[in-house]
Amino acid sequence: MILEVATLNIKAGLSTDFEKAFSEAQKIIASMDGYNSHQLKKCMEKTDKDILLVNWETLESHTKGFRSSAAYQDWKKLLHHFYEPFTIFEHYEEIKNN
């Protein structure tokens, strides 16, 4: 399992509009092969900052499957214009203890 962490800096004053758009966009990501779950969390200290946590089966489920899909174009139309600066995406894997 891979955890995608996306820091979302929303343009000032657009958080409510972003949340409405995300309500629609989350249906897109949830329908993708390799998707497991997601959470959108709002920063308590900075009202226009969120994080998106997405659990994927594999790194390629996100980077190749989702990002190369036609559905990703719909995702971009719904959400990408809200970000300033653009989102940083990072991927994390479980540390295996022996």
PDB file of N, CA and C in Angstrom:
ATOM      1  N   MET A   1       0.849  -1.182   0.000  1.00  0.00           N
ATOM      2  CA  MET A   1       0.000   0.000   0.000  1.00  0.00           C
ATOM      3  C   MET A   1       0.891   1.240   0.000  1.00  0.00           C
ATOM      4  N   ILE A   2       0.520   2.203  -0.817  1.00  0.00           N
ATOM      5  CA  ILE A   2       1.241   3.469  -0.953  1.00  0.00           C
ATOM      6  C   ILE A   2       0.320   4.599  -0.490  1.00  0.00           C
ATOM      7  N   LEU A   3       0.869   5.524   0.280  1.00  0.00           N
ATOM      8  CA  LEU A   3       0.116   6.698   0.716  1.00  0.00           C
ATOM      9  C   LEU A   3       0.593   7.896  -0.089  1.00  0.00           C
ATOM     10  N   GLU A   4      -0.324   8.499  -0.818  1.00  0.00           N
ATOM     11  CA  GLU A   4      -0.055   9.763  -1.505  1.00  0.00           C
ATOM     12  C   GLU A   4      -0.438  10.886  -0.557  1.00  0.00           C
ATOM     13  N   VAL A   5       0.472  11.844  -0.365  1.00  0.00           N
ATOM     14  CA  VAL A   5       0.206  13.009   0.471  1.00  0.00           C
ATOM     15  C   VAL A   5       0.315  14.237  -0.421  1.00  0.00           C
ATOM     16  N   ALA A   6      -0.771  14.978  -0.526  1.00  0.00           N
ATOM     17  CA  ALA A   6      -0.799  16.188  -1.349  1.00  0.00           C
ATOM     18  C   ALA A   6      -1.117  17.375  -0.454  1.00  0.00           C
ATOM     19  N   THR A   7      -0.213  18.342  -0.427  1.00  0.00           N
ATOM     20  CA  THR A   7      -0.446  19.579   0.303  1.00  0.00           C
ATOM     21  C   THR A   7      -1.145  20.542  -0.648  1.00  0.00           C
ATOM     22  N   LEU A   8      -2.332  20.975  -0.262  1.00  0.00           N
ATOM     23  CA  LEU A   8      -3.172  21.804  -1.118  1.00  0.00           C
ATOM     24  C   LEU A   8      -3.251  23.213  -0.553  1.00  0.00           C
ATOM     25  N   ASN A   9      -2.614  24.133  -1.206  1.00  0.00           N
ATOM     26  CA  ASN A   9      -2.701  25.546  -0.836  1.00  0.00           C
ATOM     27  C   ASN A   9      -3.775  26.177  -1.709  1.00  0.00           C
ATOM     28  N   ILE A  10      -4.920  26.447  -1.101  1.00  0.00           N
ATOM     29  CA  ILE A  10      -6.081  26.967  -1.817  1.00  0.00           C
ATOM     30  C   ILE A  10      -5.966  28.494  -1.907  1.00  0.00           C
ATOM     31  N   LYS A  11      -6.301  29.039  -3.068  1.00  0.00           N
ATOM     32  CA  LYS A  11      -6.283  30.493  -3.229  1.00  0.00           C
ATOM     33  C   LYS A  11      -7.186  31.129  -2.170  1.00  0.00           C
ATOM     34  N   ALA A  12      -6.728  32.231  -1.621  1.00  0.00           N
ATOM     35  CA  ALA A  12      -7.439  32.907  -0.527  1.00  0.00           C
ATOM     36  C   ALA A  12      -8.902  33.143  -0.870  1.00  0.00           C
ATOM     37  N   GLY A  13      -9.757  32.763   0.061  1.00  0.00           N
ATOM     38  CA  GLY A  13     -11.183  33.000  -0.080  1.00  0.00           C
ATOM     39  C   GLY A  13     -11.936  31.977  -0.910  1.00  0.00           C
ATOM     40  N   LEU A  14     -11.237  30.960  -1.433  1.00  0.00           N
ATOM     41  CA  LEU A  14     -11.902  29.990  -2.307  1.00  0.00           C
ATOM     42  C   LEU A  14     -12.095  28.607  -1.668  1.00  0.00           C
ATOM     43  N   SER A  15     -11.845  28.489  -0.381  1.00  0.00           N
ATOM     44  CA  SER A  15     -11.939  27.184   0.271  1.00  0.00           C
ATOM     45  C   SER A  15     -13.319  26.563   0.167  1.00  0.00           C
ATOM     46  N   THR A  16     -14.361  27.350   0.341  1.00  0.00           N
ATOM     47  CA  THR A  16     -15.724  26.808   0.258  1.00  0.00           C
ATOM     48  C   THR A  16     -16.013  26.297  -1.151  1.00  0.00           C
ATOM     49  N   ASP A  17     -15.612  27.054  -2.164  1.00  0.00           N
ATOM     50  CA  ASP A  17     -15.794  26.617  -3.550  1.00  0.00           C
ATOM     51  C   ASP A  17     -14.972  25.365  -3.840  1.00  0.00           C
ATOM     52  N   PHE A  18     -13.748  25.316  -3.308  1.00  0.00           N
ATOM     53  CA  PHE A  18     -12.917  24.133  -3.481  1.00  0.00           C
ATOM     54  C   PHE A  18     -13.586  22.908  -2.866  1.00  0.00           C
ATOM     55  N   GLU A  19     -14.111  23.043  -1.668  1.00  0.00           N
ATOM     56  CA  GLU A  19     -14.750  21.905  -0.995  1.00  0.00           C
ATOM     57  C   GLU A  19     -15.948  21.387  -1.786  1.00  0.00           C
ATOM     58  N   LYS A  20     -16.712  22.280  -2.389  1.00  0.00           N
ATOM     59  CA  LYS A  20     -17.838  21.858  -3.236  1.00  0.00           C
ATOM     60  C   LYS A  20     -17.330  21.104  -4.459  1.00  0.00           C
ATOM     61  N   ALA A  21     -16.288  21.626  -5.100  1.00  0.00           N
ATOM     62  CA  ALA A  21     -15.717  20.966  -6.276  1.00  0.00           C
ATOM     63  C   ALA A  21     -15.113  19.617  -5.893  1.00  0.00           C
ATOM     64  N   PHE A  22     -14.462  19.557  -4.724  1.00  0.00           N
ATOM     65  CA  PHE A  22     -13.863  18.302  -4.288  1.00  0.00           C
ATOM     66  C   PHE A  22     -14.933  17.249  -4.016  1.00  0.00           C
ATOM     67  N   SER A  23     -16.082  17.675  -3.547  1.00  0.00           N
ATOM     68  CA  SER A  23     -17.183  16.749  -3.310  1.00  0.00           C
ATOM     69  C   SER A  23     -17.524  15.977  -4.591  1.00  0.00           C
ATOM     70  N   GLU A  24     -17.458  16.648  -5.723  1.00  0.00           N
ATOM     71  CA  GLU A  24     -17.682  16.002  -7.015  1.00  0.00           C
ATOM     72  C   GLU A  24     -16.448  15.217  -7.460  1.00  0.00           C
ATOM     73  N   ALA A  25     -15.280  15.806  -7.308  1.00  0.00           N
ATOM     74  CA  ALA A  25     -14.034  15.194  -7.781  1.00  0.00           C
ATOM     75  C   ALA A  25     -13.697  13.898  -7.049  1.00  0.00           C
ATOM     76  N   GLN A  26     -14.071  13.794  -5.784  1.00  0.00           N
ATOM     77  CA  GLN A  26     -13.725  12.578  -5.044  1.00  0.00           C
ATOM     78  C   GLN A  26     -14.378  11.335  -5.641  1.00  0.00           C
ATOM     79  N   LYS A  27     -15.487  11.505  -6.330  1.00  0.00           N
ATOM     80  CA  LYS A  27     -16.129  10.375  -7.009  1.00  0.00           C
ATOM     81  C   LYS A  27     -15.241   9.850  -8.130  1.00  0.00           C
ATOM     82  N   ILE A  28     -14.502  10.749  -8.764  1.00  0.00           N
ATOM     83  CA  ILE A  28     -13.601  10.368  -9.855  1.00  0.00           C
ATOM     84  C   ILE A  28     -12.470   9.500  -9.318  1.00  0.00           C
ATOM     85  N   ILE A  29     -11.789   9.987  -8.305  1.00  0.00           N
ATOM     86  CA  ILE A  29     -10.634   9.247  -7.784  1.00  0.00           C
ATOM     87  C   ILE A  29     -11.060   7.916  -7.171  1.00  0.00           C
ATOM     88  N   ALA A  30     -12.210   7.908  -6.529  1.00  0.00           N
ATOM     89  CA  ALA A  30     -12.689   6.683  -5.885  1.00  0.00           C
ATOM     90  C   ALA A  30     -13.029   5.589  -6.891  1.00  0.00           C
ATOM     91  N   SER A  31     -13.229   5.955  -8.136  1.00  0.00           N
ATOM     92  CA  SER A  31     -13.594   4.969  -9.163  1.00  0.00           C
ATOM     93  C   SER A  31     -12.371   4.357  -9.860  1.00  0.00           C
ATOM     94  N   MET A  32     -11.172   4.807  -9.519  1.00  0.00           N
ATOM     95  CA  MET A  32      -9.971   4.376 -10.234  1.00  0.00           C
ATOM     96  C   MET A  32      -9.460   3.016  -9.754  1.00  0.00           C
ATOM     97  N   ASP A  33      -8.913   2.240 -10.689  1.00  0.00           N
ATOM     98  CA  ASP A  33      -8.267   0.976 -10.335  1.00  0.00           C
ATOM     99  C   ASP A  33      -7.093   1.258  -9.411  1.00  0.00           C
ATOM    100  N   GLY A  34      -6.948   0.461  -8.381  1.00  0.00           N
ATOM    101  CA  GLY A  34      -5.847   0.615  -7.444  1.00  0.00           C
ATOM    102  C   GLY A  34      -6.108   1.588  -6.316  1.00  0.00           C
ATOM    103  N   TYR A  35      -7.243   2.281  -6.363  1.00  0.00           N
ATOM    104  CA  TYR A  35      -7.625   3.212  -5.285  1.00  0.00           C
ATOM    105  C   TYR A  35      -8.160   2.396  -4.107  1.00  0.00           C
ATOM    106  N   ASN A  36      -7.781   2.815  -2.884  1.00  0.00           N
ATOM    107  CA  ASN A  36      -8.308   2.171  -1.671  1.00  0.00           C
ATOM    108  C   ASN A  36      -9.163   3.102  -0.829  1.00  0.00           C
ATOM    109  N   SER A  37      -8.641   4.301  -0.540  1.00  0.00           N
ATOM    110  CA  SER A  37      -9.377   5.232   0.316  1.00  0.00           C
ATOM    111  C   SER A  37      -8.725   6.606   0.235  1.00  0.00           C
ATOM    112  N   HIS A  38      -9.443   7.601   0.752  1.00  0.00           N
ATOM    113  CA  HIS A  38      -8.855   8.945   0.827  1.00  0.00           C
ATOM    114  C   HIS A  38      -9.461   9.712   1.992  1.00  0.00           C
ATOM    115  N   GLN A  39      -8.731  10.756   2.391  1.00  0.00           N
ATOM    116  CA  GLN A  39      -9.189  11.700   3.403  1.00  0.00           C
ATOM    117  C   GLN A  39      -8.746  13.084   2.980  1.00  0.00           C
ATOM    118  N   LEU A  40      -9.617  14.058   3.138  1.00  0.00           N
ATOM    119  CA  LEU A  40      -9.271  15.458   2.940  1.00  0.00           C
ATOM    120  C   LEU A  40      -9.323  16.113   4.313  1.00  0.00           C
ATOM    121  N   LYS A  41      -8.215  16.730   4.715  1.00  0.00           N
ATOM    122  CA  LYS A  41      -8.114  17.347   6.036  1.00  0.00           C
ATOM    123  C   LYS A  41      -7.804  18.827   5.895  1.00  0.00           C
ATOM    124  N   LYS A  42      -8.502  19.646   6.676  1.00  0.00           N
ATOM    125  CA  LYS A  42      -8.301  21.098   6.681  1.00  0.00           C
ATOM    126  C   LYS A  42      -7.334  21.479   7.796  1.00  0.00           C
ATOM    127  N   CYS A  43      -6.378  22.319   7.468  1.00  0.00           N
ATOM    128  CA  CYS A  43      -5.417  22.814   8.446  1.00  0.00           C
ATOM    129  C   CYS A  43      -6.137  23.718   9.453  1.00  0.00           C
ATOM    130  N   MET A  44      -5.859  23.524  10.704  1.00  0.00           N
ATOM    131  CA  MET A  44      -6.502  24.325  11.745  1.00  0.00           C
ATOM    132  C   MET A  44      -5.869  25.699  11.881  1.00  0.00           C
ATOM    133  N   GLU A  45      -4.577  25.819  11.536  1.00  0.00           N
ATOM    134  CA  GLU A  45      -3.884  27.090  11.678  1.00  0.00           C
ATOM    135  C   GLU A  45      -4.008  27.983  10.439  1.00  0.00           C
ATOM    136  N   LYS A  46      -4.145  27.375   9.271  1.00  0.00           N
ATOM    137  CA  LYS A  46      -4.216  28.125   8.016  1.00  0.00           C
ATOM    138  C   LYS A  46      -5.482  27.702   7.275  1.00  0.00           C
ATOM    139  N   THR A  47      -6.458  28.574   7.227  1.00  0.00           N
ATOM    140  CA  THR A  47      -7.780  28.199   6.715  1.00  0.00           C
ATOM    141  C   THR A  47      -7.800  27.845   5.237  1.00  0.00           C
ATOM    142  N   ASP A  48      -6.823  28.282   4.467  1.00  0.00           N
ATOM    143  CA  ASP A  48      -6.792  27.978   3.043  1.00  0.00           C
ATOM    144  C   ASP A  48      -5.773  26.898   2.709  1.00  0.00           C
ATOM    145  N   LYS A  49      -5.516  26.001   3.663  1.00  0.00           N
ATOM    146  CA  LYS A  49      -4.561  24.921   3.447  1.00  0.00           C
ATOM    147  C   LYS A  49      -5.202  23.599   3.865  1.00  0.00           C
ATOM    148  N   ASP A  50      -5.120  22.617   2.970  1.00  0.00           N
ATOM    149  CA  ASP A  50      -5.643  21.278   3.230  1.00  0.00           C
ATOM    150  C   ASP A  50      -4.558  20.270   2.889  1.00  0.00           C
ATOM    151  N   ILE A  51      -4.762  19.041   3.340  1.00  0.00           N
ATOM    152  CA  ILE A  51      -3.966  17.929   2.827  1.00  0.00           C
ATOM    153  C   ILE A  51      -4.931  16.865   2.327  1.00  0.00           C
ATOM    154  N   LEU A  52      -4.523  16.215   1.272  1.00  0.00           N
ATOM    155  CA  LEU A  52      -5.267  15.095   0.719  1.00  0.00           C
ATOM    156  C   LEU A  52      -4.410  13.855   0.895  1.00  0.00           C
ATOM    157  N   LEU A  53      -4.960  12.851   1.535  1.00  0.00           N
ATOM    158  CA  LEU A  53      -4.281  11.578   1.767  1.00  0.00           C
ATOM    159  C   LEU A  53      -5.023  10.514   0.966  1.00  0.00           C
ATOM    160  N   VAL A  54      -4.303   9.849   0.070  1.00  0.00           N
ATOM    161  CA  VAL A  54      -4.926   8.817  -0.759  1.00  0.00           C
ATOM    162  C   VAL A  54      -4.119   7.537  -0.635  1.00  0.00           C
ATOM    163  N   ASN A  55      -4.797   6.451  -0.319  1.00  0.00           N
ATOM    164  CA  ASN A  55      -4.165   5.135  -0.266  1.00  0.00           C
ATOM    165  C   ASN A  55      -4.370   4.429  -1.599  1.00  0.00           C
ATOM    166  N   TRP A  56      -3.248   4.059  -2.214  1.00  0.00           N
ATOM    167  CA  TRP A  56      -3.226   3.355  -3.499  1.00  0.00           C
ATOM    168  C   TRP A  56      -2.617   1.975  -3.300  1.00  0.00           C
ATOM    169  N   GLU A  57      -3.022   1.030  -4.123  1.00  0.00           N
ATOM    170  CA  GLU A  57      -2.426  -0.310  -4.090  1.00  0.00           C
ATOM    171  C   GLU A  57      -0.940  -0.249  -4.412  1.00  0.00           C
ATOM    172  N   THR A  58      -0.588   0.504  -5.466  1.00  0.00           N
ATOM    173  CA  THR A  58       0.802   0.629  -5.910  1.00  0.00           C
ATOM    174  C   THR A  58       1.068   2.078  -6.309  1.00  0.00           C
ATOM    175  N   LEU A  59       2.323   2.432  -6.413  1.00  0.00           N
ATOM    176  CA  LEU A  59       2.703   3.756  -6.892  1.00  0.00           C
ATOM    177  C   LEU A  59       2.162   3.972  -8.304  1.00  0.00           C
ATOM    178  N   GLU A  60       2.257   2.951  -9.135  1.00  0.00           N
ATOM    179  CA  GLU A  60       1.805   3.053 -10.522  1.00  0.00           C
ATOM    180  C   GLU A  60       0.292   3.254 -10.625  1.00  0.00           C
ATOM    181  N   SER A  61      -0.464   2.791  -9.647  1.00  0.00           N
ATOM    182  CA  SER A  61      -1.912   3.035  -9.649  1.00  0.00           C
ATOM    183  C   SER A  61      -2.195   4.529  -9.710  1.00  0.00           C
ATOM    184  N   HIS A  62      -1.361   5.310  -9.033  1.00  0.00           N
ATOM    185  CA  HIS A  62      -1.525   6.759  -9.043  1.00  0.00           C
ATOM    186  C   HIS A  62      -0.815   7.400 -10.226  1.00  0.00           C
ATOM    187  N   THR A  63       0.486   7.127 -10.351  1.00  0.00           N
ATOM    188  CA  THR A  63       1.307   7.854 -11.322  1.00  0.00           C
ATOM    189  C   THR A  63       1.009   7.487 -12.769  1.00  0.00           C
ATOM    190  N   LYS A  64       0.642   6.249 -13.018  1.00  0.00           N
ATOM    191  CA  LYS A  64       0.361   5.824 -14.395  1.00  0.00           C
ATOM    192  C   LYS A  64      -1.130   5.628 -14.623  1.00  0.00           C
ATOM    193  N   GLY A  65      -1.783   4.888 -13.733  1.00  0.00           N
ATOM    194  CA  GLY A  65      -3.202   4.609 -13.906  1.00  0.00           C
ATOM    195  C   GLY A  65      -4.064   5.858 -13.843  1.00  0.00           C
ATOM    196  N   PHE A  66      -4.040   6.544 -12.719  1.00  0.00           N
ATOM    197  CA  PHE A  66      -4.882   7.726 -12.538  1.00  0.00           C
ATOM    198  C   PHE A  66      -4.395   8.898 -13.379  1.00  0.00           C
ATOM    199  N   ARG A  67      -3.129   9.222 -13.279  1.00  0.00           N
ATOM    200  CA  ARG A  67      -2.606  10.406 -13.965  1.00  0.00           C
ATOM    201  C   ARG A  67      -2.653  10.291 -15.491  1.00  0.00           C
ATOM    202  N   SER A  68      -2.692   9.083 -16.018  1.00  0.00           N
ATOM    203  CA  SER A  68      -2.742   8.889 -17.474  1.00  0.00           C
ATOM    204  C   SER A  68      -4.161   8.696 -17.993  1.00  0.00           C
ATOM    205  N   SER A  69      -5.127   8.746 -17.103  1.00  0.00           N
ATOM    206  CA  SER A  69      -6.509   8.445 -17.486  1.00  0.00           C
ATOM    207  C   SER A  69      -7.258   9.674 -17.995  1.00  0.00           C
ATOM    208  N   ALA A  70      -8.313   9.420 -18.746  1.00  0.00           N
ATOM    209  CA  ALA A  70      -9.209  10.504 -19.177  1.00  0.00           C
ATOM    210  C   ALA A  70      -9.896  11.127 -17.964  1.00  0.00           C
ATOM    211  N   ALA A  71     -10.163  10.324 -16.947  1.00  0.00           N
ATOM    212  CA  ALA A  71     -10.808  10.825 -15.730  1.00  0.00           C
ATOM    213  C   ALA A  71      -9.947  11.883 -15.034  1.00  0.00           C
ATOM    214  N   TYR A  72      -8.627  11.761 -15.170  1.00  0.00           N
ATOM    215  CA  TYR A  72      -7.730  12.742 -14.559  1.00  0.00           C
ATOM    216  C   TYR A  72      -7.938  14.131 -15.164  1.00  0.00           C
ATOM    217  N   GLN A  73      -8.264  14.186 -16.441  1.00  0.00           N
ATOM    218  CA  GLN A  73      -8.533  15.473 -17.085  1.00  0.00           C
ATOM    219  C   GLN A  73      -9.753  16.149 -16.446  1.00  0.00           C
ATOM    220  N   ASP A  74     -10.765  15.359 -16.099  1.00  0.00           N
ATOM    221  CA  ASP A  74     -11.936  15.897 -15.400  1.00  0.00           C
ATOM    222  C   ASP A  74     -11.556  16.376 -13.997  1.00  0.00           C
ATOM    223  N   TRP A  75     -10.720  15.599 -13.313  1.00  0.00           N
ATOM    224  CA  TRP A  75     -10.207  15.966 -11.988  1.00  0.00           C
ATOM    225  C   TRP A  75      -9.500  17.319 -12.052  1.00  0.00           C
ATOM    226  N   LYS A  76      -8.609  17.462 -13.037  1.00  0.00           N
ATOM    227  CA  LYS A  76      -7.865  18.710 -13.210  1.00  0.00           C
ATOM    228  C   LYS A  76      -8.796  19.895 -13.436  1.00  0.00           C
ATOM    229  N   LYS A  77      -9.806  19.719 -14.285  1.00  0.00           N
ATOM    230  CA  LYS A  77     -10.743  20.815 -14.571  1.00  0.00           C
ATOM    231  C   LYS A  77     -11.489  21.253 -13.314  1.00  0.00           C
ATOM    232  N   LEU A  78     -11.831  20.290 -12.490  1.00  0.00           N
ATOM    233  CA  LEU A  78     -12.572  20.599 -11.270  1.00  0.00           C
ATOM    234  C   LEU A  78     -11.717  21.276 -10.201  1.00  0.00           C
ATOM    235  N   LEU A  79     -10.434  20.903 -10.096  1.00  0.00           N
ATOM    236  CA  LEU A  79      -9.661  21.286  -8.915  1.00  0.00           C
ATOM    237  C   LEU A  79      -8.420  22.143  -9.133  1.00  0.00           C
ATOM    238  N   HIS A  80      -7.707  21.946 -10.210  1.00  0.00           N
ATOM    239  CA  HIS A  80      -6.370  22.541 -10.308  1.00  0.00           C
ATOM    240  C   HIS A  80      -6.357  24.068 -10.297  1.00  0.00           C
ATOM    241  N   HIS A  81      -7.411  24.712 -10.712  1.00  0.00           N
ATOM    242  CA  HIS A  81      -7.426  26.182 -10.724  1.00  0.00           C
ATOM    243  C   HIS A  81      -7.546  26.785  -9.313  1.00  0.00           C
ATOM    244  N   PHE A  82      -7.779  25.952  -8.308  1.00  0.00           N
ATOM    245  CA  PHE A  82      -7.871  26.445  -6.932  1.00  0.00           C
ATOM    246  C   PHE A  82      -6.512  26.583  -6.243  1.00  0.00           C
ATOM    247  N   TYR A  83      -5.454  25.987  -6.785  1.00  0.00           N
ATOM    248  CA  TYR A  83      -4.178  25.885  -6.086  1.00  0.00           C
ATOM    249  C   TYR A  83      -3.234  27.045  -6.400  1.00  0.00           C
ATOM    250  N   GLU A  84      -2.627  27.584  -5.327  1.00  0.00           N
ATOM    251  CA  GLU A  84      -1.630  28.656  -5.478  1.00  0.00           C
ATOM    252  C   GLU A  84      -0.699  28.634  -4.271  1.00  0.00           C
ATOM    253  N   PRO A  85       0.534  28.192  -4.368  1.00  0.00           N
ATOM    254  CA  PRO A  85       1.167  27.611  -5.553  1.00  0.00           C
ATOM    255  C   PRO A  85       0.620  26.212  -5.815  1.00  0.00           C
ATOM    256  N   PHE A  86       1.069  25.613  -6.929  1.00  0.00           N
ATOM    257  CA  PHE A  86       0.549  24.307  -7.296  1.00  0.00           C
ATOM    258  C   PHE A  86       0.946  23.262  -6.255  1.00  0.00           C
ATOM    259  N   THR A  87       0.158  22.253  -6.170  1.00  0.00           N
ATOM    260  CA  THR A  87       0.276  21.199  -5.171  1.00  0.00           C
ATOM    261  C   THR A  87       1.567  20.388  -5.305  1.00  0.00           C
ATOM    262  N   ILE A  88       2.116  20.027  -4.166  1.00  0.00           N
ATOM    263  CA  ILE A  88       3.237  19.095  -4.108  1.00  0.00           C
ATOM    264  C   ILE A  88       2.685  17.730  -3.714  1.00  0.00           C
ATOM    265  N   PHE A  89       3.004  16.715  -4.523  1.00  0.00           N
ATOM    266  CA  PHE A  89       2.572  15.347  -4.250  1.00  0.00           C
ATOM    267  C   PHE A  89       3.789  14.531  -3.827  1.00  0.00           C
ATOM    268  N   GLU A  90       3.626  13.764  -2.763  1.00  0.00           N
ATOM    269  CA  GLU A  90       4.681  12.855  -2.322  1.00  0.00           C
ATOM    270  C   GLU A  90       4.045  11.504  -2.022  1.00  0.00           C
ATOM    271  N   HIS A  91       4.843  10.461  -2.141  1.00  0.00           N
ATOM    272  CA  HIS A  91       4.368   9.107  -1.924  1.00  0.00           C
ATOM    273  C   HIS A  91       5.168   8.455  -0.800  1.00  0.00           C
ATOM    274  N   TYR A  92       4.477   7.725   0.049  1.00  0.00           N
ATOM    275  CA  TYR A  92       5.098   7.094   1.199  1.00  0.00           C
ATOM    276  C   TYR A  92       4.733   5.616   1.243  1.00  0.00           C
ATOM    277  N   GLU A  93       5.692   4.814   1.706  1.00  0.00           N
ATOM    278  CA  GLU A  93       5.434   3.400   1.875  1.00  0.00           C
ATOM    279  C   GLU A  93       5.694   3.008   3.326  1.00  0.00           C
ATOM    280  N   GLU A  94       5.113   1.929   3.726  1.00  0.00           N
ATOM    281  CA  GLU A  94       5.260   1.408   5.085  1.00  0.00           C
ATOM    282  C   GLU A  94       6.706   1.005   5.334  1.00  0.00           C
ATOM    283  N   ILE A  95       7.201   1.292   6.514  1.00  0.00           N
ATOM    284  CA  ILE A  95       8.511   0.813   6.921  1.00  0.00           C
ATOM    285  C   ILE A  95       8.318  -0.594   7.465  1.00  0.00           C
ATOM    286  N   LYS A  96       9.025  -1.517   6.882  1.00  0.00           N
ATOM    287  CA  LYS A  96       8.892  -2.923   7.301  1.00  0.00           C
ATOM    288  C   LYS A  96       9.884  -3.219   8.419  1.00  0.00           C
ATOM    289  N   ASN A  97       9.354  -3.600   9.561  1.00  0.00           N
ATOM    290  CA  ASN A  97      10.200  -3.963  10.701  1.00  0.00           C
ATOM    291  C   ASN A  97      10.457  -5.453  10.667  1.00  0.00           C
ATOM    292  N   ASN A  98      11.690  -5.840  10.949  1.00  0.00           N
ATOM    293  CA  ASN A  98      12.049  -7.278  10.965  1.00  0.00           C
ATOM    294  C   ASN A  98      11.759  -7.891  12.300  1.00  0.00           C
TER     295      ASN A  98
END
